[in-house]
């Protein structure tokens, strides 16, 4: 028999073996499933956790085996919103980016019961567990950072300084939180990916609208003062209001005489000044009343009798200069 003939019969033999194997697998109830590199199958046999399978070709007995869920195990960066917390009485929340990977086998450490418990959760449920672990870590460490921070002022910016990226207190906070996550995340089958350059980072800080508005107003006024140092505070506030789209009505009051202070203003329905109450202010160069010593009598018209009035009336008035 020639070499070509031998090769042909070898090929036929292999093909027959494959067909027989496929037929036997079908008769016995086996099916095959191709699992991607970043996925794992949670397989139950007769209703009880059996194993994690994948990647590659996975054989299943369609009579006894069921695929309960598919788990993603690749290292991935996910976004989490945690909070609110309080820093010196001011509420805030974080939008965080966390590099993490799921490894149920490593977390179980060879314990089949623990592996079965970890495999009961799908990807969505595990994401909720990760967020809860993050929240617990910040809930533990934020009060300690707050206690260590010494306030230098009473502004919102000063109170929230420890939560801003780049501040020493913020660096300390995230270092402590990451160390906490290295202990707590493996209990749910997750590990921080420490091979990444930035494992846990801040994407955004959420503060109440009144706090963010205060930051914006203070910055806007500071810029206006730098650009227009000669403007009065009233004009600066007027310009700031115009920048925000508010058009305040301004009316000047001209007061004649020796000056005064406007204590109240009444406006009509159109916003025009209807009436103003002015309290006069004493002049600085006005001579003060002569001092009166204690016990010195003070006379009034009622203290003069009739005879004294007659004497006063008889005295002629002094003539002034001609």
C-alpha atoms as a PDB file:
ATOM      1  CA  UNK A   1       0.000   0.000   0.000  1.00  0.00           C
ATOM      2  CA  UNK A   2       1.328   3.407  -0.958  1.00  0.00           C
ATOM      3  CA  UNK A   3       1.986   6.266   1.489  1.00  0.00           C
ATOM      4  CA  UNK A   4      -0.949   8.266   0.123  1.00  0.00           C
ATOM      5  CA  UNK A   5      -3.290   5.356   0.710  1.00  0.00           C
ATOM      6  CA  UNK A   6      -2.099   4.917   4.267  1.00  0.00           C
ATOM      7  CA  UNK A   7      -2.636   8.623   4.998  1.00  0.00           C
ATOM      8  CA  UNK A   8      -6.155   8.443   3.621  1.00  0.00           C
ATOM      9  CA  UNK A   9      -7.134   5.530   5.816  1.00  0.00           C
ATOM     10  CA  UNK A  10      -5.601   7.193   8.872  1.00  0.00           C
ATOM     11  CA  UNK A  11      -7.703  10.287   8.202  1.00  0.00           C
ATOM     12  CA  UNK A  12     -10.816   8.169   7.791  1.00  0.00           C
ATOM     13  CA  UNK A  13     -10.079   6.370  11.027  1.00  0.00           C
ATOM     14  CA  UNK A  14      -9.690   9.618  12.937  1.00  0.00           C
ATOM     15  CA  UNK A  15     -12.888  11.009  11.454  1.00  0.00           C
ATOM     16  CA  UNK A  16     -14.785   7.894  12.453  1.00  0.00           C
ATOM     17  CA  UNK A  17     -13.443   8.139  15.997  1.00  0.00           C
ATOM     18  CA  UNK A  18     -14.535  11.762  16.259  1.00  0.00           C
ATOM     19  CA  UNK A  19     -17.996  10.975  14.965  1.00  0.00           C
ATOM     20  CA  UNK A  20     -18.308   8.057  17.356  1.00  0.00           C
ATOM     21  CA  UNK A  21     -17.183  10.287  20.231  1.00  0.00           C
ATOM     22  CA  UNK A  22     -19.692  12.989  19.332  1.00  0.00           C
ATOM     23  CA  UNK A  23     -22.466  10.410  18.992  1.00  0.00           C
ATOM     24  CA  UNK A  24     -21.530   8.858  22.354  1.00  0.00           C
ATOM     25  CA  UNK A  25     -21.471  12.257  24.007  1.00  0.00           C
ATOM     26  CA  UNK A  26     -24.883  13.058  22.550  1.00  0.00           C
ATOM     27  CA  UNK A  27     -26.315   9.750  23.715  1.00  0.00           C
ATOM     28  CA  UNK A  28     -24.876  10.259  27.181  1.00  0.00           C
ATOM     29  CA  UNK A  29     -26.264  13.817  27.281  1.00  0.00           C
ATOM     30  CA  UNK A  30     -23.095  15.927  27.015  1.00  0.00           C
ATOM     31  CA  UNK A  31     -22.982  19.351  25.403  1.00  0.00           C
ATOM     32  CA  UNK A  32     -20.090  21.753  24.908  1.00  0.00           C
ATOM     33  CA  UNK A  33     -19.781  25.465  25.531  1.00  0.00           C
ATOM     34  CA  UNK A  34     -16.976  27.835  24.590  1.00  0.00           C
ATOM     35  CA  UNK A  35     -16.048  30.245  27.417  1.00  0.00           C
ATOM     36  CA  UNK A  36     -14.116  33.485  26.788  1.00  0.00           C
ATOM     37  CA  UNK A  37     -10.860  34.307  28.535  1.00  0.00           C
ATOM     38  CA  UNK A  38     -12.397  36.939  30.866  1.00  0.00           C
ATOM     39  CA  UNK A  39     -15.466  34.851  31.785  1.00  0.00           C
ATOM     40  CA  UNK A  40     -16.197  31.988  34.138  1.00  0.00           C
ATOM     41  CA  UNK A  41     -19.240  29.707  34.287  1.00  0.00           C
ATOM     42  CA  UNK A  42     -20.898  28.868  37.601  1.00  0.00           C
ATOM     43  CA  UNK A  43     -22.046  25.279  37.119  1.00  0.00           C
ATOM     44  CA  UNK A  44     -24.551  23.512  39.358  1.00  0.00           C
ATOM     45  CA  UNK A  45     -25.004  19.738  39.257  1.00  0.00           C
ATOM     46  CA  UNK A  46     -28.338  18.395  40.405  1.00  0.00           C
ATOM     47  CA  UNK A  47     -29.134  21.783  41.957  1.00  0.00           C
ATOM     48  CA  UNK A  48     -25.911  22.016  44.015  1.00  0.00           C
ATOM     49  CA  UNK A  49     -22.819  24.104  43.261  1.00  0.00           C
ATOM     50  CA  UNK A  50     -20.360  21.970  41.340  1.00  0.00           C
ATOM     51  CA  UNK A  51     -17.522  24.127  40.015  1.00  0.00           C
ATOM     52  CA  UNK A  52     -16.332  27.228  38.197  1.00  0.00           C
ATOM     53  CA  UNK A  53     -15.450  26.423  34.596  1.00  0.00           C
ATOM     54  CA  UNK A  54     -13.539  28.217  31.873  1.00  0.00           C
ATOM     55  CA  UNK A  55     -11.932  29.550  29.875  1.00  0.00           C
ATOM     56  CA  UNK A  56     -11.995  27.381  26.749  1.00  0.00           C
ATOM     57  CA  UNK A  57     -14.192  24.432  25.827  1.00  0.00           C
ATOM     58  CA  UNK A  58     -16.386  23.276  28.710  1.00  0.00           C
ATOM     59  CA  UNK A  59     -18.311  19.987  28.665  1.00  0.00           C
ATOM     60  CA  UNK A  60     -21.736  19.936  30.312  1.00  0.00           C
ATOM     61  CA  UNK A  61     -24.139  17.112  31.001  1.00  0.00           C
ATOM     62  CA  UNK A  62     -27.472  18.460  29.892  1.00  0.00           C
ATOM     63  CA  UNK A  63     -29.299  16.038  32.159  1.00  0.00           C
ATOM     64  CA  UNK A  64     -27.540  16.998  35.388  1.00  0.00           C
ATOM     65  CA  UNK A  65     -25.613  20.256  34.852  1.00  0.00           C
ATOM     66  CA  UNK A  66     -26.941  23.813  34.656  1.00  0.00           C
ATOM     67  CA  UNK A  67     -25.122  27.093  34.085  1.00  0.00           C
ATOM     68  CA  UNK A  68     -26.482  29.362  36.802  1.00  0.00           C
ATOM     69  CA  UNK A  69     -24.582  32.509  35.833  1.00  0.00           C
ATOM     70  CA  UNK A  70     -21.560  33.893  34.049  1.00  0.00           C
ATOM     71  CA  UNK A  71     -18.995  35.931  35.978  1.00  0.00           C
ATOM     72  CA  UNK A  72     -16.551  38.527  34.633  1.00  0.00           C
ATOM     73  CA  UNK A  73     -13.094  38.080  36.154  1.00  0.00           C
ATOM     74  CA  UNK A  74     -10.928  40.539  34.186  1.00  0.00           C
ATOM     75  CA  UNK A  75      -9.270  43.522  35.865  1.00  0.00           C
ATOM     76  CA  UNK A  76     -11.484  46.520  35.254  1.00  0.00           C
ATOM     77  CA  UNK A  77     -11.923  50.128  36.376  1.00  0.00           C
ATOM     78  CA  UNK A  78     -15.399  50.898  37.667  1.00  0.00           C
ATOM     79  CA  UNK A  79     -17.125  54.047  38.899  1.00  0.00           C
ATOM     80  CA  UNK A  80     -18.748  54.206  42.330  1.00  0.00           C
ATOM     81  CA  UNK A  81     -20.669  56.971  44.117  1.00  0.00           C
ATOM     82  CA  UNK A  82     -20.269  56.895  47.899  1.00  0.00           C
ATOM     83  CA  UNK A  83     -21.574  59.183  50.623  1.00  0.00           C
ATOM     84  CA  UNK A  84     -22.750  61.463  51.954  1.00  0.00           C
ATOM     85  CA  UNK A  85     -20.220  62.101  54.694  1.00  0.00           C
ATOM     86  CA  UNK A  86     -19.592  65.162  56.844  1.00  0.00           C
ATOM     87  CA  UNK A  87     -16.375  67.141  57.150  1.00  0.00           C
ATOM     88  CA  UNK A  88     -16.666  69.776  59.902  1.00  0.00           C
ATOM     89  CA  UNK A  89     -20.448  69.788  59.485  1.00  0.00           C
ATOM     90  CA  UNK A  90     -20.419  70.207  55.681  1.00  0.00           C
ATOM     91  CA  UNK A  91     -21.894  67.248  53.705  1.00  0.00           C
ATOM     92  CA  UNK A  92     -20.111  65.831  50.663  1.00  0.00           C
ATOM     93  CA  UNK A  93     -20.002  62.730  48.478  1.00  0.00           C
ATOM     94  CA  UNK A  94     -17.337  61.165  46.264  1.00  0.00           C
ATOM     95  CA  UNK A  95     -17.486  59.821  42.707  1.00  0.00           C
ATOM     96  CA  UNK A  96     -14.625  57.308  42.680  1.00  0.00           C
ATOM     97  CA  UNK A  97     -12.760  55.199  40.126  1.00  0.00           C
ATOM     98  CA  UNK A  98     -11.529  51.834  41.437  1.00  0.00           C
ATOM     99  CA  UNK A  99      -9.368  49.274  39.663  1.00  0.00           C
ATOM    100  CA  UNK A 100     -10.446  45.823  40.871  1.00  0.00           C
ATOM    101  CA  UNK A 101     -10.562  42.226  39.711  1.00  0.00           C
ATOM    102  CA  UNK A 102     -12.783  39.291  40.646  1.00  0.00           C
ATOM    103  CA  UNK A 103     -11.025  36.053  41.663  1.00  0.00           C
ATOM    104  CA  UNK A 104     -13.355  33.731  43.529  1.00  0.00           C
ATOM    105  CA  UNK A 105     -10.921  30.799  43.565  1.00  0.00           C
ATOM    106  CA  UNK A 106      -8.150  32.841  45.222  1.00  0.00           C
ATOM    107  CA  UNK A 107     -10.601  34.377  47.702  1.00  0.00           C
ATOM    108  CA  UNK A 108     -11.939  30.934  48.667  1.00  0.00           C
ATOM    109  CA  UNK A 109      -8.445  29.584  49.334  1.00  0.00           C
ATOM    110  CA  UNK A 110      -9.366  26.008  48.441  1.00  0.00           C
ATOM    111  CA  UNK A 111     -12.518  25.982  50.598  1.00  0.00           C
ATOM    112  CA  UNK A 112     -15.324  24.563  48.423  1.00  0.00           C
ATOM    113  CA  UNK A 113     -18.068  25.824  50.737  1.00  0.00           C
ATOM    114  CA  UNK A 114     -16.673  29.333  50.662  1.00  0.00           C
ATOM    115  CA  UNK A 115     -16.329  29.161  46.872  1.00  0.00           C
ATOM    116  CA  UNK A 116     -19.955  28.063  46.615  1.00  0.00           C
ATOM    117  CA  UNK A 117     -21.018  31.003  48.805  1.00  0.00           C
ATOM    118  CA  UNK A 118     -19.046  33.504  46.701  1.00  0.00           C
ATOM    119  CA  UNK A 119     -20.402  32.077  43.436  1.00  0.00           C
ATOM    120  CA  UNK A 120     -24.009  32.765  44.438  1.00  0.00           C
ATOM    121  CA  UNK A 121     -23.783  36.420  43.367  1.00  0.00           C
ATOM    122  CA  UNK A 122     -23.831  37.751  39.829  1.00  0.00           C
ATOM    123  CA  UNK A 123     -21.845  40.729  38.565  1.00  0.00           C
ATOM    124  CA  UNK A 124     -24.528  43.303  39.413  1.00  0.00           C
ATOM    125  CA  UNK A 125     -24.929  42.069  42.972  1.00  0.00           C
ATOM    126  CA  UNK A 126     -21.152  42.012  43.435  1.00  0.00           C
ATOM    127  CA  UNK A 127     -20.933  45.637  42.272  1.00  0.00           C
ATOM    128  CA  UNK A 128     -23.379  46.597  45.023  1.00  0.00           C
ATOM    129  CA  UNK A 129     -21.221  44.723  47.544  1.00  0.00           C
ATOM    130  CA  UNK A 130     -18.096  46.580  46.368  1.00  0.00           C
ATOM    131  CA  UNK A 131     -19.878  49.921  46.781  1.00  0.00           C
ATOM    132  CA  UNK A 132     -20.936  48.946  50.308  1.00  0.00           C
ATOM    133  CA  UNK A 133     -17.357  48.032  51.240  1.00  0.00           C
ATOM    134  CA  UNK A 134     -16.163  51.383  49.893  1.00  0.00           C
ATOM    135  CA  UNK A 135     -18.830  53.201  51.879  1.00  0.00           C
ATOM    136  CA  UNK A 136     -17.929  51.364  55.076  1.00  0.00           C
ATOM    137  CA  UNK A 137     -14.234  52.219  54.628  1.00  0.00           C
ATOM    138  CA  UNK A 138     -14.889  55.944  54.163  1.00  0.00           C
ATOM    139  CA  UNK A 139     -17.420  55.916  56.984  1.00  0.00           C
ATOM    140  CA  UNK A 140     -14.677  54.587  59.238  1.00  0.00           C
ATOM    141  CA  UNK A 141     -11.834  56.917  58.211  1.00  0.00           C
ATOM    142  CA  UNK A 142     -13.478  60.271  57.382  1.00  0.00           C
ATOM    143  CA  UNK A 143     -14.250  61.071  61.068  1.00  0.00           C
ATOM    144  CA  UNK A 144     -10.648  60.296  62.024  1.00  0.00           C
ATOM    145  CA  UNK A 145      -9.276  62.615  59.324  1.00  0.00           C
ATOM    146  CA  UNK A 146     -11.761  65.292  60.437  1.00  0.00           C
ATOM    147  CA  UNK A 147     -10.577  64.968  64.037  1.00  0.00           C
ATOM    148  CA  UNK A 148      -6.921  65.359  63.026  1.00  0.00           C
ATOM    149  CA  UNK A 149      -7.542  68.440  60.851  1.00  0.00           C
ATOM    150  CA  UNK A 150      -7.138  71.789  62.618  1.00  0.00           C
ATOM    151  CA  UNK A 151      -9.407  74.500  61.244  1.00  0.00           C
ATOM    152  CA  UNK A 152      -7.755  77.823  60.352  1.00  0.00           C
ATOM    153  CA  UNK A 153     -10.983  79.579  59.378  1.00  0.00           C
ATOM    154  CA  UNK A 154     -14.742  79.240  59.201  1.00  0.00           C
ATOM    155  CA  UNK A 155     -15.249  79.199  55.421  1.00  0.00           C
ATOM    156  CA  UNK A 156     -16.659  76.250  53.489  1.00  0.00           C
ATOM    157  CA  UNK A 157     -13.381  75.933  51.593  1.00  0.00           C
ATOM    158  CA  UNK A 158     -11.384  75.621  54.806  1.00  0.00           C
ATOM    159  CA  UNK A 159     -13.810  73.079  56.273  1.00  0.00           C
ATOM    160  CA  UNK A 160     -13.693  70.896  53.143  1.00  0.00           C
ATOM    161  CA  UNK A 161      -9.922  71.226  52.593  1.00  0.00           C
ATOM    162  CA  UNK A 162      -9.119  67.643  53.784  1.00  0.00           C
ATOM    163  CA  UNK A 163     -11.261  66.075  51.021  1.00  0.00           C
ATOM    164  CA  UNK A 164      -9.570  67.852  48.079  1.00  0.00           C
ATOM    165  CA  UNK A 165      -7.035  65.898  45.972  1.00  0.00           C
ATOM    166  CA  UNK A 166      -3.436  66.901  46.637  1.00  0.00           C
ATOM    167  CA  UNK A 167      -4.016  67.850  50.262  1.00  0.00           C
ATOM    168  CA  UNK A 168      -2.021  65.788  52.817  1.00  0.00           C
ATOM    169  CA  UNK A 169      -5.202  64.885  54.718  1.00  0.00           C
ATOM    170  CA  UNK A 170      -6.839  63.616  51.504  1.00  0.00           C
ATOM    171  CA  UNK A 171      -3.778  61.524  50.627  1.00  0.00           C
ATOM    172  CA  UNK A 172      -3.866  60.032  54.124  1.00  0.00           C
ATOM    173  CA  UNK A 173      -7.594  59.329  53.847  1.00  0.00           C
ATOM    174  CA  UNK A 174      -7.262  57.413  50.579  1.00  0.00           C
ATOM    175  CA  UNK A 175      -4.219  55.521  51.806  1.00  0.00           C
ATOM    176  CA  UNK A 176      -6.174  54.308  54.853  1.00  0.00           C
ATOM    177  CA  UNK A 177      -9.245  53.474  52.758  1.00  0.00           C
ATOM    178  CA  UNK A 178      -7.183  51.432  50.269  1.00  0.00           C
ATOM    179  CA  UNK A 179      -5.564  49.486  53.083  1.00  0.00           C
ATOM    180  CA  UNK A 180      -9.039  48.802  54.457  1.00  0.00           C
ATOM    181  CA  UNK A 181     -10.249  47.575  51.063  1.00  0.00           C
ATOM    182  CA  UNK A 182      -7.354  45.126  50.817  1.00  0.00           C
ATOM    183  CA  UNK A 183      -8.777  43.463  53.922  1.00  0.00           C
ATOM    184  CA  UNK A 184     -12.520  43.658  53.205  1.00  0.00           C
ATOM    185  CA  UNK A 185     -12.903  43.181  49.433  1.00  0.00           C
ATOM    186  CA  UNK A 186     -11.523  39.589  49.390  1.00  0.00           C
ATOM    187  CA  UNK A 187     -14.441  38.577  51.624  1.00  0.00           C
ATOM    188  CA  UNK A 188     -16.690  39.092  48.570  1.00  0.00           C
ATOM    189  CA  UNK A 189     -14.247  37.593  46.050  1.00  0.00           C
ATOM    190  CA  UNK A 190     -12.735  40.901  44.861  1.00  0.00           C
ATOM    191  CA  UNK A 191      -9.173  42.257  45.015  1.00  0.00           C
ATOM    192  CA  UNK A 192      -7.886  45.805  44.398  1.00  0.00           C
ATOM    193  CA  UNK A 193      -5.623  45.688  41.348  1.00  0.00           C
ATOM    194  CA  UNK A 194      -2.418  46.919  42.969  1.00  0.00           C
ATOM    195  CA  UNK A 195      -0.526  46.652  39.666  1.00  0.00           C
ATOM    196  CA  UNK A 196      -2.254  49.818  38.438  1.00  0.00           C
ATOM    197  CA  UNK A 197      -0.556  53.182  38.987  1.00  0.00           C
ATOM    198  CA  UNK A 198      -3.693  54.728  40.520  1.00  0.00           C
ATOM    199  CA  UNK A 199      -5.874  52.092  42.134  1.00  0.00           C
ATOM    200  CA  UNK A 200      -8.375  54.444  43.796  1.00  0.00           C
ATOM    201  CA  UNK A 201      -8.881  57.974  42.445  1.00  0.00           C
ATOM    202  CA  UNK A 202     -11.395  60.817  42.717  1.00  0.00           C
ATOM    203  CA  UNK A 203     -13.473  61.568  39.629  1.00  0.00           C
ATOM    204  CA  UNK A 204     -15.732  64.178  41.204  1.00  0.00           C
ATOM    205  CA  UNK A 205     -16.714  65.685  44.551  1.00  0.00           C
ATOM    206  CA  UNK A 206     -20.395  66.359  45.175  1.00  0.00           C
ATOM    207  CA  UNK A 207     -21.287  69.158  47.591  1.00  0.00           C
ATOM    208  CA  UNK A 208     -24.642  70.874  48.294  1.00  0.00           C
ATOM    209  CA  UNK A 209     -25.688  73.562  45.758  1.00  0.00           C
ATOM    210  CA  UNK A 210     -25.364  76.353  48.309  1.00  0.00           C
ATOM    211  CA  UNK A 211     -21.751  75.346  49.004  1.00  0.00           C
ATOM    212  CA  UNK A 212     -20.745  75.150  45.342  1.00  0.00           C
ATOM    213  CA  UNK A 213     -22.559  78.448  44.692  1.00  0.00           C
ATOM    214  CA  UNK A 214     -20.583  80.033  47.518  1.00  0.00           C
ATOM    215  CA  UNK A 215     -17.294  78.830  45.964  1.00  0.00           C
ATOM    216  CA  UNK A 216     -18.336  80.219  42.579  1.00  0.00           C
ATOM    217  CA  UNK A 217     -19.483  83.582  43.980  1.00  0.00           C
ATOM    218  CA  UNK A 218     -16.317  84.060  46.025  1.00  0.00           C
ATOM    219  CA  UNK A 219     -14.107  83.256  43.018  1.00  0.00           C
ATOM    220  CA  UNK A 220     -16.087  85.590  40.739  1.00  0.00           C
ATOM    221  CA  UNK A 221     -15.873  88.486  43.200  1.00  0.00           C
ATOM    222  CA  UNK A 222     -12.160  87.892  43.703  1.00  0.00           C
ATOM    223  CA  UNK A 223     -11.557  88.087  39.943  1.00  0.00           C
ATOM    224  CA  UNK A 224     -13.626  91.281  39.673  1.00  0.00           C
ATOM    225  CA  UNK A 225     -11.626  92.887  42.501  1.00  0.00           C
ATOM    226  CA  UNK A 226      -8.381  92.020  40.725  1.00  0.00           C
ATOM    227  CA  UNK A 227      -9.551  93.421  37.382  1.00  0.00           C
ATOM    228  CA  UNK A 228     -11.301  96.523  38.741  1.00  0.00           C
ATOM    229  CA  UNK A 229      -9.561  97.541  41.968  1.00  0.00           C
ATOM    230  CA  UNK A 230     -11.180 100.986  41.937  1.00  0.00           C
ATOM    231  CA  UNK A 231     -14.795  99.816  42.021  1.00  0.00           C
ATOM    232  CA  UNK A 232     -16.803 100.101  45.216  1.00  0.00           C
ATOM    233  CA  UNK A 233     -18.308  97.048  46.867  1.00  0.00           C
ATOM    234  CA  UNK A 234     -21.784  98.044  45.649  1.00  0.00           C
ATOM    235  CA  UNK A 235     -20.616  98.215  42.048  1.00  0.00           C
ATOM    236  CA  UNK A 236     -18.722  94.933  42.387  1.00  0.00           C
ATOM    237  CA  UNK A 237     -21.858  93.202  43.665  1.00  0.00           C
ATOM    238  CA  UNK A 238     -23.849  94.804  40.845  1.00  0.00           C
ATOM    239  CA  UNK A 239     -21.369  93.516  38.234  1.00  0.00           C
ATOM    240  CA  UNK A 240     -21.376  90.053  39.845  1.00  0.00           C
ATOM    241  CA  UNK A 241     -25.178  89.950  39.701  1.00  0.00           C
ATOM    242  CA  UNK A 242     -25.089  90.888  36.000  1.00  0.00           C
ATOM    243  CA  UNK A 243     -22.616  88.044  35.347  1.00  0.00           C
ATOM    244  CA  UNK A 244     -25.092  85.609  36.899  1.00  0.00           C
ATOM    245  CA  UNK A 245     -27.928  86.921  34.715  1.00  0.00           C
ATOM    246  CA  UNK A 246     -29.610  88.968  37.448  1.00  0.00           C
ATOM    247  CA  UNK A 247     -30.447  92.598  36.593  1.00  0.00           C
ATOM    248  CA  UNK A 248     -30.791  94.541  39.844  1.00  0.00           C
ATOM    249  CA  UNK A 249     -32.457  97.972  39.821  1.00  0.00           C
ATOM    250  CA  UNK A 250     -30.188 100.641  41.284  1.00  0.00           C
ATOM    251  CA  UNK A 251     -31.404 104.138  42.268  1.00  0.00           C
ATOM    252  CA  UNK A 252     -29.314 106.850  43.845  1.00  0.00           C
ATOM    253  CA  UNK A 253     -30.663 108.909  46.746  1.00  0.00           C
ATOM    254  CA  UNK A 254     -29.471 112.525  46.937  1.00  0.00           C
ATOM    255  CA  UNK A 255     -29.862 114.075  50.398  1.00  0.00           C
ATOM    256  CA  UNK A 256     -29.591 117.797  50.977  1.00  0.00           C
ATOM    257  CA  UNK A 257     -28.502 119.314  54.228  1.00  0.00           C
ATOM    258  CA  UNK A 258     -26.141 117.954  56.746  1.00  0.00           C
ATOM    259  CA  UNK A 259     -26.380 114.302  55.747  1.00  0.00           C
ATOM    260  CA  UNK A 260     -28.071 111.263  57.205  1.00  0.00           C
ATOM    261  CA  UNK A 261     -28.486 107.498  57.012  1.00  0.00           C
ATOM    262  CA  UNK A 262     -31.266 105.762  55.044  1.00  0.00           C
ATOM    263  CA  UNK A 263     -33.071 103.533  57.507  1.00  0.00           C
ATOM    264  CA  UNK A 264     -35.884 102.239  55.274  1.00  0.00           C
ATOM    265  CA  UNK A 265     -37.113 102.523  51.686  1.00  0.00           C
ATOM    266  CA  UNK A 266     -40.623 101.903  50.311  1.00  0.00           C
ATOM    267  CA  UNK A 267     -41.043 100.849  46.689  1.00  0.00           C
ATOM    268  CA  UNK A 268     -44.082 100.996  44.425  1.00  0.00           C
ATOM    269  CA  UNK A 269     -45.394  98.142  42.287  1.00  0.00           C
ATOM    270  CA  UNK A 270     -42.899  98.923  39.491  1.00  0.00           C
ATOM    271  CA  UNK A 271     -39.900  98.913  41.786  1.00  0.00           C
ATOM    272  CA  UNK A 272     -39.454 102.673  41.920  1.00  0.00           C
ATOM    273  CA  UNK A 273     -38.731 104.411  45.216  1.00  0.00           C
ATOM    274  CA  UNK A 274     -41.951 105.711  46.729  1.00  0.00           C
ATOM    275  CA  UNK A 275     -40.661 106.954  50.060  1.00  0.00           C
ATOM    276  CA  UNK A 276     -37.465 106.847  52.096  1.00  0.00           C
ATOM    277  CA  UNK A 277     -36.853 107.415  55.767  1.00  0.00           C
ATOM    278  CA  UNK A 278     -33.612 109.192  56.613  1.00  0.00           C
ATOM    279  CA  UNK A 279     -32.105 109.328  60.089  1.00  0.00           C
ATOM    280  CA  UNK A 280     -29.928 112.434  60.554  1.00  0.00           C
ATOM    281  CA  UNK A 281     -26.375 111.926  61.685  1.00  0.00           C
ATOM    282  CA  UNK A 282     -24.708 114.356  64.121  1.00  0.00           C
ATOM    283  CA  UNK A 283     -21.979 116.545  62.715  1.00  0.00           C
ATOM    284  CA  UNK A 284     -18.516 115.713  63.922  1.00  0.00           C
ATOM    285  CA  UNK A 285     -17.625 119.424  64.432  1.00  0.00           C
ATOM    286  CA  UNK A 286     -20.859 120.297  66.217  1.00  0.00           C
ATOM    287  CA  UNK A 287     -19.968 121.606  69.718  1.00  0.00           C
ATOM    288  CA  UNK A 288     -21.095 119.355  72.435  1.00  0.00           C
ATOM    289  CA  UNK A 289     -23.235 120.556  75.309  1.00  0.00           C
ATOM    290  CA  UNK A 290     -21.274 121.935  78.260  1.00  0.00           C
ATOM    291  CA  UNK A 291     -20.794 119.428  81.012  1.00  0.00           C
ATOM    292  CA  UNK A 292     -23.225 119.534  83.867  1.00  0.00           C
ATOM    293  CA  UNK A 293     -21.963 118.525  87.249  1.00  0.00           C
ATOM    294  CA  UNK A 294     -23.869 116.223  89.486  1.00  0.00           C
ATOM    295  CA  UNK A 295     -26.131 118.151  91.867  1.00  0.00           C
ATOM    296  CA  UNK A 296     -26.233 121.316  89.697  1.00  0.00           C
ATOM    297  CA  UNK A 297     -29.850 122.576  89.441  1.00  0.00           C
ATOM    298  CA  UNK A 298     -31.422 122.730  86.026  1.00  0.00           C
ATOM    299  CA  UNK A 299     -33.947 125.611  85.641  1.00  0.00           C
ATOM    300  CA  UNK A 300     -36.931 125.691  83.343  1.00  0.00           C
ATOM    301  CA  UNK A 301     -39.756 128.147  82.686  1.00  0.00           C
ATOM    302  CA  UNK A 302     -41.899 126.448  85.302  1.00  0.00           C
ATOM    303  CA  UNK A 303     -39.326 127.192  88.027  1.00  0.00           C
ATOM    304  CA  UNK A 304     -39.777 131.059  87.739  1.00  0.00           C
ATOM    305  CA  UNK A 305     -42.399 132.824  89.871  1.00  0.00           C
ATOM    306  CA  UNK A 306     -44.524 135.836  88.829  1.00  0.00           C
ATOM    307  CA  UNK A 307     -42.216 138.450  90.403  1.00  0.00           C
ATOM    308  CA  UNK A 308     -39.205 137.039  88.584  1.00  0.00           C
ATOM    309  CA  UNK A 309     -41.041 137.131  85.293  1.00  0.00           C
ATOM    310  CA  UNK A 310     -41.857 140.857  85.833  1.00  0.00           C
ATOM    311  CA  UNK A 311     -38.185 141.636  86.419  1.00  0.00           C
ATOM    312  CA  UNK A 312     -37.174 139.786  83.260  1.00  0.00           C
ATOM    313  CA  UNK A 313     -39.795 141.569  81.185  1.00  0.00           C
ATOM    314  CA  UNK A 314     -38.617 144.975  82.334  1.00  0.00           C
ATOM    315  CA  UNK A 315     -35.034 144.462  81.225  1.00  0.00           C
ATOM    316  CA  UNK A 316     -34.608 145.873  77.694  1.00  0.00           C
ATOM    317  CA  UNK A 317     -33.186 143.607  74.975  1.00  0.00           C
ATOM    318  CA  UNK A 318     -29.581 144.302  74.147  1.00  0.00           C
ATOM    319  CA  UNK A 319     -29.024 145.900  70.757  1.00  0.00           C
ATOM    320  CA  UNK A 320     -26.726 144.208  68.300  1.00  0.00           C
ATOM    321  CA  UNK A 321     -24.294 146.024  66.086  1.00  0.00           C
ATOM    322  CA  UNK A 322     -25.691 148.994  64.041  1.00  0.00           C
END
